[in-house]
C-alpha cells in the first residue's frame, strides 16, 4: 500500500520593497534637516548649559578653598605680641598653680590692658568702678579669663561671620556689667579716676554646719 505524505504549503513570497534597497544597500540615510529657528534655539540652550556648568565649577572651587589663618578684619589685635595671641588652655585660670598660673595671668593682663579696657572700658565712676590691681581680685580674674577664652573662640574664622557679634552680645556685656557693677567686686576700689584705691571685700564666712562638722572632725582626730 502506498502512503502519500501531506505536502507542506508553499511559503508566500512577499513582494514588499526592502527598506535597505529603498535607502541604499549600504544603509545610508538622507540627513535630517532642521529649520534654522530650531537649530538656533538648540545652540542657545547648549550655551546656557555650558555657562551654568562653568559657574557651578567656579563655586565648588571657591567652597573647597581653605580659609586663611588671618582673623576677621577689624576684630584682631594687630599690636599684640604673638605669644598673647595663642589660645589659652581650656581650663579655668583658678585651677592653675604656680608658674602656670602666673604665665596665664601675664597673657590675660596683656589682653586686658592692651585691648579690652582701651576699647570697652568706660570712665571710672561710682556706678562703674575699676581697680588698678584687679589681678588681686580672684573673681575678677576668673571673669576676665573666661571672657578672653570666649573672645579667642569667637574671633576664629570657624565661628563664622556672626562670631564677633555673639561674643559682644553673650559674653562682653554680661562680664563687664558683673565686674564693674556699683555693688560688684570692685565697688570698694577706684571710683574716681584721680584717686586710685584698692580693697578686697570680705566674702561670706563658713556656714554654721561646716564649722560644726570641722569641729567634730578635729575632736575625733585627737
N, C-alpha and C. Protein backbone atom coordinates (compact mmCIF):
# COMPACT_ATOMS: atom_id res chain seq x y z
N UNK A 1 0.86 -1.18 0.00
CA UNK A 1 0.00 0.00 0.00
C UNK A 1 0.90 1.23 0.00
N UNK A 2 0.58 2.15 -0.83
CA UNK A 2 1.38 3.39 -0.93
C UNK A 2 0.73 4.50 -0.11
N UNK A 3 1.59 5.18 0.71
CA UNK A 3 1.11 6.32 1.51
C UNK A 3 1.73 7.59 0.97
N UNK A 4 0.97 8.63 0.92
CA UNK A 4 1.47 9.94 0.49
C UNK A 4 1.49 10.91 1.69
N UNK A 5 2.66 11.45 1.89
CA UNK A 5 2.79 12.44 2.95
C UNK A 5 2.14 13.75 2.53
N UNK A 6 1.53 14.44 3.49
CA UNK A 6 0.91 15.73 3.12
C UNK A 6 1.96 16.72 2.67
N UNK A 7 1.64 17.43 1.69
CA UNK A 7 2.58 18.40 1.10
C UNK A 7 2.52 19.72 1.87
N UNK A 8 3.72 20.18 2.27
CA UNK A 8 3.79 21.44 3.02
C UNK A 8 3.39 22.60 2.14
N UNK A 9 2.64 23.50 2.72
CA UNK A 9 2.23 24.65 1.91
C UNK A 9 3.43 25.50 1.52
N UNK A 10 3.39 25.96 0.33
CA UNK A 10 4.49 26.80 -0.15
C UNK A 10 4.45 28.17 0.53
N UNK A 11 5.67 28.65 0.90
CA UNK A 11 5.75 29.96 1.53
C UNK A 11 5.38 31.04 0.54
N UNK A 12 4.61 31.96 1.09
CA UNK A 12 4.22 33.07 0.24
C UNK A 12 5.39 34.03 0.08
N UNK A 13 5.60 34.43 -1.07
CA UNK A 13 6.70 35.35 -1.39
C UNK A 13 6.19 36.77 -1.28
N UNK A 14 6.84 37.55 -0.36
CA UNK A 14 6.42 38.93 -0.17
C UNK A 14 6.98 39.78 -1.28
N UNK A 15 6.17 40.59 -1.81
CA UNK A 15 6.58 41.48 -2.88
C UNK A 15 6.81 42.91 -2.39
N UNK A 16 6.79 43.08 -1.01
CA UNK A 16 7.01 44.44 -0.48
C UNK A 16 8.46 44.83 -0.69
N UNK A 17 8.73 46.09 -0.92
CA UNK A 17 10.11 46.54 -1.17
C UNK A 17 10.95 46.45 0.09
N UNK A 18 12.21 46.09 -0.05
CA UNK A 18 13.16 46.01 1.06
C UNK A 18 13.58 47.42 1.48
N UNK A 19 13.50 47.73 2.81
CA UNK A 19 13.90 49.09 3.23
C UNK A 19 15.33 49.42 2.86
N UNK A 20 16.22 48.40 2.91
CA UNK A 20 17.61 48.67 2.56
C UNK A 20 17.76 49.05 1.10
N UNK A 21 16.94 48.38 0.27
CA UNK A 21 17.01 48.73 -1.14
C UNK A 21 16.47 50.12 -1.39
N UNK A 22 15.48 50.51 -0.54
CA UNK A 22 14.88 51.83 -0.74
C UNK A 22 15.86 52.94 -0.39
N UNK A 23 16.65 52.73 0.73
CA UNK A 23 17.58 53.77 1.18
C UNK A 23 19.01 53.49 0.79
N UNK A 24 19.23 52.41 0.07
CA UNK A 24 20.58 52.11 -0.36
C UNK A 24 21.10 50.87 0.32
N UNK A 25 21.87 50.12 -0.38
CA UNK A 25 22.38 48.86 0.17
C UNK A 25 23.31 49.08 1.33
N UNK A 26 24.00 50.18 1.38
CA UNK A 26 24.96 50.45 2.46
C UNK A 26 24.29 51.01 3.70
N UNK A 27 22.99 51.14 3.71
CA UNK A 27 22.29 51.65 4.88
C UNK A 27 22.43 53.14 5.06
N UNK A 28 22.72 53.86 4.03
CA UNK A 28 22.88 55.30 4.13
C UNK A 28 21.51 55.97 4.06
N UNK A 29 21.30 56.92 4.99
CA UNK A 29 20.03 57.64 5.05
C UNK A 29 20.27 59.09 4.69
N UNK A 30 19.27 59.68 4.21
CA UNK A 30 19.37 61.11 3.91
C UNK A 30 19.44 61.89 5.21
N UNK A 31 20.30 62.90 5.34
CA UNK A 31 20.40 63.70 6.58
C UNK A 31 19.10 64.42 6.89
N UNK A 32 18.83 64.49 8.21
CA UNK A 32 17.63 65.19 8.66
C UNK A 32 17.97 66.67 8.78
N UNK A 33 17.22 67.49 8.19
CA UNK A 33 17.46 68.92 8.21
C UNK A 33 16.42 69.60 9.09
N UNK A 34 16.94 70.40 10.06
CA UNK A 34 16.06 71.13 10.96
C UNK A 34 15.90 72.56 10.46
N UNK A 35 14.79 73.14 10.76
CA UNK A 35 14.62 74.57 10.42
C UNK A 35 15.66 75.41 11.15
N UNK A 36 16.06 76.50 10.54
CA UNK A 36 17.10 77.33 11.14
C UNK A 36 16.68 77.87 12.50
N UNK A 37 15.42 78.15 12.71
CA UNK A 37 14.95 78.65 14.00
C UNK A 37 15.15 77.63 15.11
N UNK A 38 14.84 76.34 14.83
CA UNK A 38 15.04 75.30 15.84
C UNK A 38 16.51 75.10 16.13
N UNK A 39 17.36 75.18 15.13
CA UNK A 39 18.80 74.99 15.33
C UNK A 39 19.37 76.10 16.21
N UNK A 40 18.95 77.32 15.99
CA UNK A 40 19.43 78.43 16.83
C UNK A 40 18.99 78.24 18.29
N UNK A 41 17.77 77.74 18.49
CA UNK A 41 17.27 77.52 19.85
C UNK A 41 18.09 76.45 20.56
N UNK A 42 18.43 75.38 19.85
CA UNK A 42 19.24 74.30 20.45
C UNK A 42 20.62 74.81 20.81
N UNK A 43 21.23 75.59 19.92
CA UNK A 43 22.56 76.13 20.20
C UNK A 43 22.53 77.05 21.41
N UNK A 44 21.50 77.87 21.54
CA UNK A 44 21.40 78.76 22.69
C UNK A 44 21.25 77.97 23.98
N UNK A 45 20.47 76.90 23.94
CA UNK A 45 20.29 76.06 25.13
C UNK A 45 21.60 75.41 25.55
N UNK A 46 22.36 74.92 24.57
CA UNK A 46 23.65 74.29 24.87
C UNK A 46 24.60 75.30 25.49
N UNK A 47 24.62 76.53 24.95
CA UNK A 47 25.50 77.55 25.51
C UNK A 47 25.13 77.86 26.96
N UNK A 48 23.83 77.95 27.26
CA UNK A 48 23.40 78.22 28.63
C UNK A 48 23.82 77.10 29.57
N UNK A 49 23.69 75.85 29.12
CA UNK A 49 24.10 74.72 29.96
C UNK A 49 25.60 74.75 30.23
N UNK A 50 26.39 75.09 29.21
CA UNK A 50 27.84 75.16 29.40
C UNK A 50 28.22 76.29 30.35
N UNK A 51 27.56 77.44 30.21
CA UNK A 51 27.84 78.56 31.12
C UNK A 51 27.47 78.22 32.55
N UNK A 52 26.32 77.55 32.73
CA UNK A 52 25.90 77.18 34.08
C UNK A 52 26.86 76.17 34.69
N UNK A 53 27.33 75.23 33.88
CA UNK A 53 28.28 74.24 34.39
C UNK A 53 29.59 74.90 34.81
N UNK A 54 30.05 75.88 34.02
CA UNK A 54 31.29 76.58 34.37
C UNK A 54 31.12 77.37 35.66
N UNK A 55 29.95 78.01 35.85
CA UNK A 55 29.70 78.78 37.07
C UNK A 55 29.66 77.87 38.29
N UNK A 56 29.03 76.70 38.16
CA UNK A 56 29.00 75.76 39.27
C UNK A 56 30.40 75.26 39.62
N UNK A 57 31.22 75.06 38.60
CA UNK A 57 32.60 74.62 38.86
C UNK A 57 33.38 75.69 39.62
N UNK A 58 33.16 76.97 39.26
CA UNK A 58 33.84 78.05 39.99
C UNK A 58 33.37 78.12 41.44
N UNK A 59 32.07 77.92 41.68
CA UNK A 59 31.56 77.94 43.04
C UNK A 59 32.13 76.79 43.87
N UNK A 60 32.23 75.61 43.28
CA UNK A 60 32.81 74.48 44.00
C UNK A 60 34.27 74.73 44.35
N UNK A 61 35.01 75.33 43.41
CA UNK A 61 36.42 75.64 43.70
C UNK A 61 36.53 76.65 44.84
N UNK A 62 35.60 77.62 44.87
CA UNK A 62 35.64 78.62 45.94
C UNK A 62 35.31 78.01 47.29
N UNK A 63 34.32 77.11 47.33
CA UNK A 63 33.95 76.48 48.59
C UNK A 63 35.03 75.53 49.08
N UNK A 64 35.74 74.91 48.14
CA UNK A 64 36.78 73.95 48.54
C UNK A 64 38.04 74.63 49.02
N UNK A 65 38.19 75.92 48.73
CA UNK A 65 39.40 76.63 49.15
C UNK A 65 39.40 76.76 50.66
N UNK A 66 40.51 76.43 51.31
CA UNK A 66 40.62 76.51 52.77
C UNK A 66 40.72 77.96 53.20
N UNK A 67 40.06 78.36 54.31
CA UNK A 67 40.16 79.74 54.78
C UNK A 67 41.56 80.04 55.27
N UNK A 68 41.96 81.26 55.09
CA UNK A 68 43.29 81.68 55.53
C UNK A 68 43.36 81.81 57.03
N UNK A 69 44.55 81.87 57.59
CA UNK A 69 44.70 81.95 59.03
C UNK A 69 44.40 83.33 59.61
N UNK A 70 44.21 84.32 58.74
CA UNK A 70 44.00 85.68 59.26
C UNK A 70 42.67 85.76 59.98
N UNK A 71 42.61 86.57 60.99
CA UNK A 71 41.38 86.76 61.75
C UNK A 71 40.47 87.71 61.00
N UNK A 72 39.27 87.89 61.53
CA UNK A 72 38.30 88.75 60.88
C UNK A 72 38.79 90.19 60.90
N UNK A 73 38.60 90.94 59.79
CA UNK A 73 39.07 92.32 59.75
C UNK A 73 38.41 93.16 60.83
N UNK A 74 39.20 94.00 61.47
CA UNK A 74 38.66 94.89 62.47
C UNK A 74 38.39 94.26 63.81
N UNK A 75 38.72 92.97 63.95
CA UNK A 75 38.42 92.30 65.21
C UNK A 75 39.65 91.57 65.73
N UNK A 76 40.80 91.93 65.25
CA UNK A 76 42.02 91.28 65.70
C UNK A 76 42.81 92.19 66.61
N UNK A 77 43.98 91.73 66.98
CA UNK A 77 44.85 92.50 67.84
C UNK A 77 46.18 92.69 67.12
N UNK A 78 46.25 93.63 66.18
CA UNK A 78 47.47 93.75 65.38
C UNK A 78 48.68 94.15 66.19
N UNK A 79 48.48 94.83 67.33
CA UNK A 79 49.63 95.29 68.11
C UNK A 79 50.00 94.32 69.22
N UNK A 80 49.24 93.23 69.36
CA UNK A 80 49.53 92.29 70.44
C UNK A 80 50.72 91.42 70.08
N UNK A 81 51.55 91.05 71.04
CA UNK A 81 52.65 90.13 70.74
C UNK A 81 52.12 88.77 70.36
N UNK A 82 52.94 88.01 69.63
CA UNK A 82 52.49 86.72 69.12
C UNK A 82 52.12 85.77 70.24
N UNK A 83 52.84 85.82 71.36
CA UNK A 83 52.56 84.89 72.45
C UNK A 83 51.17 85.12 73.03
N UNK A 84 50.73 86.38 73.07
CA UNK A 84 49.43 86.68 73.65
C UNK A 84 48.29 86.24 72.76
N UNK A 85 48.56 85.97 71.48
CA UNK A 85 47.52 85.56 70.57
C UNK A 85 47.27 84.06 70.63
N UNK A 86 48.13 83.32 71.29
CA UNK A 86 47.94 81.88 71.38
C UNK A 86 46.76 81.57 72.29
N UNK A 87 45.86 80.68 71.87
CA UNK A 87 44.71 80.37 72.71
C UNK A 87 45.16 79.76 74.04
N UNK A 88 44.54 80.18 75.12
CA UNK A 88 44.92 79.61 76.42
C UNK A 88 44.42 78.18 76.54
N UNK A 89 44.94 77.50 77.54
CA UNK A 89 44.46 76.16 77.81
C UNK A 89 42.98 76.22 78.18
N UNK A 90 42.19 75.28 77.71
CA UNK A 90 40.75 75.32 78.02
C UNK A 90 40.48 74.88 79.46
N UNK A 91 41.12 75.56 80.40
CA UNK A 91 40.91 75.30 81.82
C UNK A 91 40.69 76.63 82.53
N UNK A 92 39.81 76.69 83.49
CA UNK A 92 39.66 77.92 84.27
C UNK A 92 40.99 78.30 84.91
N UNK A 93 41.30 79.57 84.89
CA UNK A 93 42.61 80.01 85.36
C UNK A 93 42.81 79.73 86.84
N UNK A 94 41.74 79.72 87.61
CA UNK A 94 41.88 79.47 89.05
C UNK A 94 42.21 78.02 89.35
N UNK A 95 42.16 77.16 88.35
CA UNK A 95 42.58 75.77 88.55
C UNK A 95 44.07 75.58 88.31
N UNK A 96 44.75 76.63 87.86
CA UNK A 96 46.18 76.55 87.60
C UNK A 96 46.95 76.93 88.86
N UNK A 97 48.19 76.49 88.93
CA UNK A 97 49.03 76.75 90.10
C UNK A 97 50.42 77.21 89.66
N UNK A 98 51.09 77.91 90.57
CA UNK A 98 52.49 78.24 90.39
C UNK A 98 52.79 79.02 89.12
N UNK A 99 53.85 78.60 88.43
CA UNK A 99 54.29 79.30 87.23
C UNK A 99 53.24 79.24 86.12
N UNK A 100 52.50 78.15 86.09
CA UNK A 100 51.46 78.03 85.06
C UNK A 100 50.40 79.11 85.24
N UNK A 101 50.03 79.35 86.49
CA UNK A 101 49.05 80.41 86.78
C UNK A 101 49.63 81.79 86.45
N UNK A 102 50.87 82.05 86.86
CA UNK A 102 51.48 83.35 86.62
C UNK A 102 51.63 83.62 85.13
N UNK A 103 52.01 82.61 84.36
CA UNK A 103 52.16 82.79 82.92
C UNK A 103 50.82 83.10 82.26
N UNK A 104 49.79 82.39 82.69
CA UNK A 104 48.46 82.63 82.13
C UNK A 104 47.96 84.02 82.52
N UNK A 105 48.26 84.43 83.75
CA UNK A 105 47.83 85.75 84.20
C UNK A 105 48.55 86.86 83.43
N UNK A 106 49.81 86.64 83.08
CA UNK A 106 50.54 87.63 82.28
C UNK A 106 49.89 87.79 80.90
N UNK A 107 49.53 86.68 80.28
CA UNK A 107 48.88 86.75 78.97
C UNK A 107 47.52 87.44 79.08
N UNK A 108 46.79 87.13 80.13
CA UNK A 108 45.49 87.77 80.33
C UNK A 108 45.67 89.27 80.55
N UNK A 109 46.68 89.65 81.32
CA UNK A 109 46.93 91.07 81.58
C UNK A 109 47.23 91.82 80.28
N UNK A 110 48.01 91.22 79.41
CA UNK A 110 48.30 91.86 78.12
C UNK A 110 47.02 92.12 77.34
N UNK A 111 46.13 91.14 77.33
CA UNK A 111 44.89 91.29 76.57
C UNK A 111 43.97 92.35 77.19
N UNK A 112 43.88 92.33 78.52
CA UNK A 112 43.00 93.29 79.20
C UNK A 112 43.54 94.71 79.05
N UNK A 113 44.85 94.89 79.27
CA UNK A 113 45.42 96.23 79.27
C UNK A 113 45.60 96.80 77.86
N UNK A 114 45.88 95.94 76.88
CA UNK A 114 46.18 96.43 75.53
C UNK A 114 44.96 96.45 74.62
N UNK A 115 43.93 95.69 74.96
CA UNK A 115 42.78 95.62 74.06
C UNK A 115 41.44 95.88 74.75
N UNK A 116 41.16 95.11 75.79
CA UNK A 116 39.82 95.17 76.37
C UNK A 116 39.49 96.54 76.96
N UNK A 117 40.30 97.01 77.90
CA UNK A 117 39.97 98.26 78.57
C UNK A 117 40.12 99.49 77.67
N UNK A 118 41.16 99.58 76.82
CA UNK A 118 41.20 100.73 75.91
C UNK A 118 40.01 100.78 74.95
N UNK A 119 39.43 99.63 74.65
CA UNK A 119 38.33 99.59 73.69
C UNK A 119 36.97 99.68 74.36
N UNK A 120 36.79 98.95 75.45
CA UNK A 120 35.47 98.83 76.06
C UNK A 120 35.40 99.37 77.49
N UNK A 121 36.50 99.88 78.01
CA UNK A 121 36.49 100.37 79.38
C UNK A 121 35.90 101.77 79.48
N UNK A 122 34.73 101.87 80.06
CA UNK A 122 34.10 103.18 80.23
C UNK A 122 34.77 103.94 81.37
N UNK A 123 34.40 105.19 81.53
CA UNK A 123 35.01 106.04 82.55
C UNK A 123 34.78 105.48 83.95
N UNK A 124 35.77 105.64 84.80
CA UNK A 124 35.67 105.15 86.18
C UNK A 124 34.80 106.11 86.98
N UNK A 125 33.71 105.60 87.51
CA UNK A 125 32.79 106.38 88.34
C UNK A 125 32.31 105.50 89.48
N UNK A 126 31.49 106.08 90.34
CA UNK A 126 30.92 105.28 91.43
C UNK A 126 29.98 104.21 90.89
N UNK A 127 29.39 104.46 89.73
CA UNK A 127 28.49 103.48 89.12
C UNK A 127 29.25 102.46 88.29
N UNK A 128 30.51 102.75 87.97
CA UNK A 128 31.31 101.84 87.16
C UNK A 128 32.75 101.85 87.67
N UNK A 129 33.00 101.21 88.80
CA UNK A 129 34.34 101.25 89.41
C UNK A 129 35.34 100.38 88.65
N UNK A 130 36.59 100.57 89.01
CA UNK A 130 37.67 99.77 88.44
C UNK A 130 38.76 99.67 89.49
N UNK A 131 39.78 98.86 89.21
CA UNK A 131 40.87 98.69 90.16
C UNK A 131 42.16 98.49 89.39
N UNK A 132 43.18 99.28 89.73
CA UNK A 132 44.48 99.13 89.09
C UNK A 132 45.18 97.84 89.51
N UNK A 133 44.67 97.21 90.53
CA UNK A 133 45.22 95.93 91.00
C UNK A 133 44.17 94.83 90.86
N UNK A 134 43.50 94.83 89.73
CA UNK A 134 42.43 93.86 89.53
C UNK A 134 42.93 92.42 89.57
N UNK A 135 44.23 92.22 89.33
CA UNK A 135 44.78 90.86 89.39
C UNK A 135 44.70 90.27 90.80
N UNK A 136 44.50 91.12 91.82
CA UNK A 136 44.38 90.63 93.20
C UNK A 136 42.96 90.16 93.51
N UNK A 137 42.02 90.48 92.66
CA UNK A 137 40.63 90.05 92.85
C UNK A 137 40.42 88.76 92.06
N UNK A 138 40.40 87.65 92.75
CA UNK A 138 40.34 86.37 92.05
C UNK A 138 39.05 86.21 91.25
N UNK A 139 37.95 86.74 91.75
CA UNK A 139 36.71 86.60 91.00
C UNK A 139 36.76 87.41 89.70
N UNK A 140 37.41 88.58 89.75
CA UNK A 140 37.56 89.39 88.54
C UNK A 140 38.49 88.69 87.55
N UNK A 141 39.55 88.10 88.06
CA UNK A 141 40.46 87.35 87.19
C UNK A 141 39.72 86.22 86.49
N UNK A 142 38.88 85.51 87.23
CA UNK A 142 38.13 84.40 86.63
C UNK A 142 37.17 84.90 85.56
N UNK A 143 36.48 86.00 85.84
CA UNK A 143 35.56 86.58 84.85
C UNK A 143 36.31 86.98 83.57
N UNK A 144 37.39 87.71 83.72
CA UNK A 144 38.11 88.22 82.56
C UNK A 144 38.78 87.09 81.77
N UNK A 145 39.24 86.08 82.47
CA UNK A 145 39.86 84.96 81.76
C UNK A 145 38.82 84.21 80.93
N UNK A 146 37.64 84.01 81.50
CA UNK A 146 36.57 83.37 80.74
C UNK A 146 36.17 84.22 79.53
N UNK A 147 36.16 85.53 79.71
CA UNK A 147 35.83 86.43 78.60
C UNK A 147 36.89 86.34 77.51
N UNK A 148 38.14 86.24 77.90
CA UNK A 148 39.23 86.13 76.93
C UNK A 148 39.14 84.84 76.13
N UNK A 149 38.89 83.72 76.81
CA UNK A 149 38.75 82.45 76.10
C UNK A 149 37.59 82.49 75.11
N UNK A 150 36.48 83.11 75.52
CA UNK A 150 35.34 83.23 74.61
C UNK A 150 35.68 84.11 73.42
N UNK A 151 36.47 85.15 73.67
CA UNK A 151 36.90 86.04 72.58
C UNK A 151 37.73 85.28 71.54
N UNK A 152 38.69 84.50 72.01
CA UNK A 152 39.54 83.74 71.09
C UNK A 152 38.72 82.72 70.30
N UNK A 153 37.72 82.16 70.94
CA UNK A 153 36.88 81.18 70.25
C UNK A 153 36.03 81.84 69.17
N UNK A 154 35.45 82.99 69.46
CA UNK A 154 34.50 83.60 68.54
C UNK A 154 35.16 84.49 67.49
N UNK A 155 36.45 84.79 67.63
CA UNK A 155 37.14 85.52 66.57
C UNK A 155 37.74 84.58 65.54
N UNK A 156 37.72 83.29 65.82
CA UNK A 156 38.24 82.30 64.88
C UNK A 156 37.34 82.24 63.65
N UNK A 157 37.92 82.10 62.44
CA UNK A 157 37.08 82.03 61.24
C UNK A 157 36.05 80.92 61.28
N UNK A 158 36.33 79.84 62.02
CA UNK A 158 35.36 78.75 62.09
C UNK A 158 34.08 79.16 62.81
N UNK A 159 34.13 80.24 63.59
CA UNK A 159 32.92 80.71 64.27
C UNK A 159 31.97 81.40 63.32
N UNK A 160 32.42 81.70 62.11
CA UNK A 160 31.56 82.32 61.12
C UNK A 160 31.51 83.83 61.27
N UNK A 161 30.88 84.51 60.31
CA UNK A 161 30.82 85.97 60.36
C UNK A 161 30.10 86.52 61.58
N UNK A 162 29.20 85.75 62.17
CA UNK A 162 28.45 86.23 63.34
C UNK A 162 29.20 86.00 64.64
N UNK A 163 30.37 85.38 64.59
CA UNK A 163 31.11 85.10 65.81
C UNK A 163 31.39 86.33 66.66
N UNK A 164 31.92 87.43 66.09
CA UNK A 164 32.17 88.63 66.90
C UNK A 164 30.91 89.20 67.53
N UNK A 165 29.80 89.17 66.79
CA UNK A 165 28.55 89.69 67.35
C UNK A 165 28.10 88.85 68.54
N UNK A 166 28.21 87.54 68.42
CA UNK A 166 27.82 86.65 69.52
C UNK A 166 28.67 86.94 70.75
N UNK A 167 29.97 87.18 70.55
CA UNK A 167 30.85 87.49 71.68
C UNK A 167 30.41 88.78 72.36
N UNK A 168 30.11 89.80 71.60
CA UNK A 168 29.65 91.06 72.20
C UNK A 168 28.34 90.88 72.96
N UNK A 169 27.40 90.18 72.34
CA UNK A 169 26.06 90.06 72.92
C UNK A 169 26.02 89.14 74.13
N UNK A 170 26.67 87.98 74.03
CA UNK A 170 26.51 86.95 75.05
C UNK A 170 27.60 86.94 76.11
N UNK A 171 28.73 87.60 75.87
CA UNK A 171 29.84 87.49 76.80
C UNK A 171 30.32 88.86 77.30
N UNK A 172 30.68 89.74 76.39
CA UNK A 172 31.26 91.03 76.80
C UNK A 172 30.32 91.82 77.70
N UNK A 173 29.08 91.98 77.26
CA UNK A 173 28.13 92.80 78.01
C UNK A 173 27.92 92.28 79.42
N UNK A 174 27.73 90.99 79.57
CA UNK A 174 27.45 90.42 80.89
C UNK A 174 28.68 90.47 81.79
N UNK A 175 29.84 90.22 81.23
CA UNK A 175 31.06 90.21 82.04
C UNK A 175 31.36 91.61 82.57
N UNK A 176 31.34 92.61 81.72
CA UNK A 176 31.65 93.97 82.16
C UNK A 176 30.62 94.48 83.15
N UNK A 177 29.36 94.12 82.95
CA UNK A 177 28.32 94.54 83.89
C UNK A 177 28.52 93.91 85.26
N UNK A 178 29.03 92.68 85.29
CA UNK A 178 29.21 91.98 86.56
C UNK A 178 30.40 92.52 87.35
N UNK A 179 31.54 92.71 86.68
CA UNK A 179 32.74 93.10 87.43
C UNK A 179 32.78 94.60 87.71
N UNK A 180 32.04 95.40 86.95
CA UNK A 180 32.08 96.85 87.15
C UNK A 180 30.77 97.39 87.69
N UNK A 181 29.98 96.53 88.27
CA UNK A 181 28.72 96.98 88.87
C UNK A 181 28.99 97.80 90.13
N UNK A 182 28.04 98.66 90.46
CA UNK A 182 28.21 99.51 91.65
C UNK A 182 28.33 98.68 92.92
N UNK A 183 27.72 97.54 92.96
CA UNK A 183 27.83 96.66 94.11
C UNK A 183 28.64 95.42 93.83
N UNK A 184 29.49 95.48 92.81
CA UNK A 184 30.28 94.33 92.40
C UNK A 184 31.58 94.19 93.16
N UNK A 185 32.45 93.32 92.69
CA UNK A 185 33.69 93.03 93.42
C UNK A 185 34.67 94.19 93.48
N UNK A 186 34.51 95.20 92.63
CA UNK A 186 35.43 96.34 92.63
C UNK A 186 34.80 97.59 93.23
N UNK A 187 33.66 97.44 93.87
CA UNK A 187 32.94 98.61 94.37
C UNK A 187 33.69 99.34 95.48
N UNK A 188 34.60 98.67 96.18
CA UNK A 188 35.37 99.32 97.24
C UNK A 188 36.71 99.83 96.74
N UNK A 189 36.92 99.77 95.43
CA UNK A 189 38.20 100.20 94.86
C UNK A 189 38.06 101.57 94.22
N UNK A 190 38.65 101.75 93.08
CA UNK A 190 38.71 103.06 92.46
C UNK A 190 37.36 103.47 91.87
N UNK A 191 36.81 104.55 92.40
CA UNK A 191 35.56 105.11 91.88
C UNK A 191 35.77 106.50 91.31
N UNK A 192 37.00 106.99 91.41
CA UNK A 192 37.37 108.30 90.88
C UNK A 192 38.68 108.13 90.11
N UNK A 193 38.72 108.52 88.84
CA UNK A 193 39.95 108.32 88.07
C UNK A 193 41.16 109.02 88.66
N UNK A 194 40.96 110.03 89.50
CA UNK A 194 42.07 110.76 90.10
C UNK A 194 42.48 110.20 91.46
N UNK A 195 41.75 109.22 91.96
CA UNK A 195 42.03 108.69 93.30
C UNK A 195 42.07 107.16 93.25
N UNK A 196 43.22 106.59 92.87
CA UNK A 196 43.34 105.13 92.84
C UNK A 196 43.13 104.53 94.23
N UNK A 197 42.46 103.41 94.26
CA UNK A 197 42.19 102.74 95.53
C UNK A 197 42.06 101.25 95.28
N UNK A 198 42.37 100.48 96.32
CA UNK A 198 42.26 99.03 96.19
C UNK A 198 41.92 98.44 97.55
N UNK A 199 40.86 97.65 97.58
CA UNK A 199 40.49 96.96 98.82
C UNK A 199 39.72 95.70 98.45
N UNK A 200 40.14 94.61 99.07
CA UNK A 200 39.45 93.34 98.85
C UNK A 200 38.27 93.24 99.81
N UNK A 201 37.12 92.98 99.26
CA UNK A 201 35.93 92.83 100.08
C UNK A 201 35.91 91.45 100.73
N UNK A 202 35.52 91.43 101.98
CA UNK A 202 35.46 90.17 102.70
C UNK A 202 34.23 89.39 102.24
N UNK A 203 34.46 88.17 101.85
CA UNK A 203 33.36 87.33 101.41
C UNK A 203 32.66 86.67 102.58
N UNK A 204 31.58 85.96 102.33
CA UNK A 204 30.86 85.28 103.40
C UNK A 204 31.75 84.24 104.09
N UNK A 205 31.57 84.10 105.38
CA UNK A 205 32.31 83.09 106.12
C UNK A 205 31.71 81.70 105.94
N UNK A 206 32.30 80.74 106.62
CA UNK A 206 31.80 79.38 106.52
C UNK A 206 30.47 79.26 107.26
N UNK A 207 29.66 78.37 106.78
CA UNK A 207 28.34 78.18 107.39
C UNK A 207 28.48 77.51 108.75
N UNK A 208 27.43 77.63 109.57
CA UNK A 208 27.44 77.03 110.90
C UNK A 208 27.60 75.52 110.80
N UNK A 209 26.97 74.91 109.84
CA UNK A 209 27.06 73.45 109.68
C UNK A 209 28.49 73.04 109.36
N UNK A 210 29.15 73.79 108.46
CA UNK A 210 30.52 73.44 108.09
C UNK A 210 31.46 73.60 109.28
N UNK A 211 31.26 74.66 110.07
CA UNK A 211 32.11 74.88 111.25
C UNK A 211 31.92 73.75 112.26
N UNK A 212 30.67 73.35 112.47
CA UNK A 212 30.40 72.27 113.42
C UNK A 212 31.00 70.95 112.94
N UNK A 213 30.92 70.69 111.66
CA UNK A 213 31.49 69.46 111.12
C UNK A 213 33.01 69.46 111.26
N UNK A 214 33.64 70.61 111.02
CA UNK A 214 35.10 70.70 111.19
C UNK A 214 35.48 70.45 112.65
N UNK A 215 34.66 70.97 113.57
CA UNK A 215 34.96 70.78 114.99
C UNK A 215 34.84 69.30 115.37
N UNK A 216 33.83 68.64 114.85
CA UNK A 216 33.67 67.21 115.14
C UNK A 216 34.82 66.40 114.57
N UNK A 217 35.27 66.76 113.38
CA UNK A 217 36.39 66.04 112.77
C UNK A 217 37.67 66.23 113.58
N UNK A 218 37.90 67.47 114.02
CA UNK A 218 39.11 67.74 114.82
C UNK A 218 39.05 67.02 116.16
N UNK A 219 37.88 66.95 116.77
CA UNK A 219 37.74 66.26 118.05
C UNK A 219 37.96 64.76 117.89
N UNK A 220 37.50 64.21 116.77
CA UNK A 220 37.67 62.77 116.55
C UNK A 220 39.13 62.41 116.30
N UNK A 221 39.89 63.32 115.75
CA UNK A 221 41.30 63.04 115.45
C UNK A 221 42.18 63.16 116.69
N UNK A 222 41.69 63.79 117.76
CA UNK A 222 42.51 63.94 118.97
C UNK A 222 42.62 62.63 119.75
